[in-house]
Amino acid sequence: MEILKGVLREELERLKSLKKNYENRLNNHPKGCLIRKEIKGNVYYYLNYRHDGKGVFEYLGRMDKAELLKMNNAIAEKRKIRKLYIQVKKDITKVEKMAYGKKKRKF
């Protein structure tokens, strides 16, 4: 039984490390989504996200195709990382329950 608990503790540490990695990667990507507005025939881009419960439109200005592609790729990458992050949090909860029972205990 102790071998199983040891394996679960190792898995828990691995998952916590992975969670920190995902948190760092999420902080390095832009938040929100890209909004395109056409004003008087000119196209401008904004980053739309929520901050302290309020919607924020951050002006990015005009963007060429390369910049636009880079921004869209960064936003798509953040969405993928966010899904992985949520799954890791769920896995941590499951492993904690298996390793420590319903109430988390220190060994």
Protein backbone atom coordinates (compact mmCIF):
# COMPACT_ATOMS: atom_id res chain seq x y z
CA MET A 1 0.00 0.00 0.00
CA GLU A 2 2.89 2.36 0.77
CA ILE A 3 4.26 1.86 -2.74
CA LEU A 4 0.95 2.99 -4.22
CA LYS A 5 0.87 6.07 -1.98
CA GLY A 6 4.43 6.89 -3.02
CA VAL A 7 3.51 6.65 -6.69
CA LEU A 8 0.46 8.86 -6.13
CA ARG A 9 2.58 11.46 -4.31
CA GLU A 10 5.09 11.47 -7.19
CA GLU A 11 2.25 11.91 -9.69
CA LEU A 12 0.83 14.74 -7.59
CA GLU A 13 4.17 16.55 -7.59
CA ARG A 14 4.46 16.07 -11.37
CA LEU A 15 0.97 17.50 -11.88
CA LYS A 16 1.69 20.50 -9.63
CA SER A 17 4.86 21.21 -11.58
CA LEU A 18 2.90 20.96 -14.83
CA LYS A 19 0.26 23.33 -13.43
CA LYS A 20 2.93 25.96 -12.61
CA ASN A 21 4.37 25.56 -16.11
CA TYR A 22 0.94 26.16 -17.67
CA GLU A 23 0.36 29.19 -15.40
CA ASN A 24 3.64 30.74 -16.55
CA ARG A 25 2.83 30.05 -20.21
CA LEU A 26 -0.67 31.54 -19.81
CA ASN A 27 0.79 34.76 -18.39
CA ASN A 28 3.04 35.14 -21.45
CA HIS A 29 0.14 35.17 -23.93
CA PRO A 30 -2.33 37.98 -24.63
CA LYS A 31 -5.65 37.68 -22.87
CA GLY A 32 -9.02 38.08 -24.52
CA CYS A 33 -9.89 38.03 -28.18
CA LEU A 34 -9.10 40.16 -31.19
CA ILE A 35 -11.78 42.58 -32.40
CA ARG A 36 -11.71 44.11 -35.88
CA LYS A 37 -13.41 47.48 -36.38
CA GLU A 38 -13.78 49.37 -39.60
CA ILE A 39 -14.00 53.13 -39.14
CA LYS A 40 -14.32 55.43 -42.15
CA GLY A 41 -12.86 52.79 -44.43
CA ASN A 42 -9.84 52.09 -42.18
CA VAL A 43 -9.43 48.83 -40.28
CA TYR A 44 -8.32 48.95 -36.64
CA TYR A 45 -7.79 46.12 -34.16
CA TYR A 46 -8.55 45.94 -30.47
CA LEU A 47 -7.91 43.34 -27.80
CA ASN A 48 -11.11 42.66 -25.85
CA TYR A 49 -10.90 41.15 -22.36
CA ARG A 50 -12.33 41.48 -18.86
CA HIS A 51 -10.49 43.14 -15.98
CA ASP A 52 -11.99 43.48 -12.50
CA GLY A 53 -15.42 42.56 -13.89
CA LYS A 54 -15.35 45.22 -16.60
CA GLY A 55 -14.90 44.84 -20.32
CA VAL A 56 -11.71 46.39 -21.68
CA PHE A 57 -10.98 47.29 -25.30
CA GLU A 58 -7.23 47.74 -25.64
CA TYR A 59 -6.32 49.60 -28.82
CA LEU A 60 -3.77 47.77 -30.97
CA GLY A 61 -4.03 49.94 -34.08
CA ARG A 62 -3.58 48.89 -37.66
CA MET A 63 -1.93 45.53 -38.16
CA ASP A 64 -0.38 43.95 -41.22
CA LYS A 65 -1.07 40.33 -42.12
CA ALA A 66 2.03 39.00 -40.36
CA GLU A 67 1.20 40.77 -37.08
CA LEU A 68 -2.43 39.69 -37.32
CA LEU A 69 -1.45 36.06 -37.92
CA LYS A 70 0.99 36.16 -35.00
CA MET A 71 -1.67 37.60 -32.66
CA ASN A 72 -4.30 35.06 -33.75
CA ASN A 73 -1.83 32.20 -33.25
CA ALA A 74 -0.94 33.46 -29.76
CA ILE A 75 -4.62 33.66 -28.80
CA ALA A 76 -5.30 30.17 -30.17
CA GLU A 77 -2.27 28.82 -28.29
CA LYS A 78 -3.54 30.37 -25.06
CA ARG A 79 -6.92 28.67 -25.50
CA LYS A 80 -5.20 25.29 -25.91
CA ILE A 81 -3.02 25.86 -22.85
CA ARG A 82 -6.07 26.98 -20.85
CA LYS A 83 -7.87 23.70 -21.63
CA LEU A 84 -4.79 21.72 -20.55
CA TYR A 85 -4.51 23.82 -17.39
CA ILE A 86 -8.13 23.11 -16.44
CA GLN A 87 -7.62 19.39 -17.02
CA VAL A 88 -4.48 19.35 -14.85
CA LYS A 89 -6.36 21.07 -12.03
CA LYS A 90 -9.04 18.37 -12.21
CA ASP A 91 -6.37 15.65 -12.24
CA ILE A 92 -4.69 17.17 -9.17
CA THR A 93 -8.00 17.03 -7.29
CA LYS A 94 -8.51 13.38 -8.25
CA VAL A 95 -4.99 12.32 -7.28
CA GLU A 96 -5.23 14.20 -3.95
CA LYS A 97 -8.43 12.34 -3.16
CA MET A 98 -6.80 9.00 -4.03
CA ALA A 99 -3.62 9.73 -2.11
CA TYR A 100 -5.04 11.45 0.96
CA GLY A 101 -8.68 10.38 1.06
CA LYS A 102 -11.51 12.89 1.23
CA LYS A 103 -9.59 15.11 3.64
CA LYS A 104 -6.07 16.06 2.62
CA ARG A 105 -3.53 14.79 5.14
CA LYS A 106 0.22 15.09 5.34
CA PHE A 107 2.26 11.89 5.57
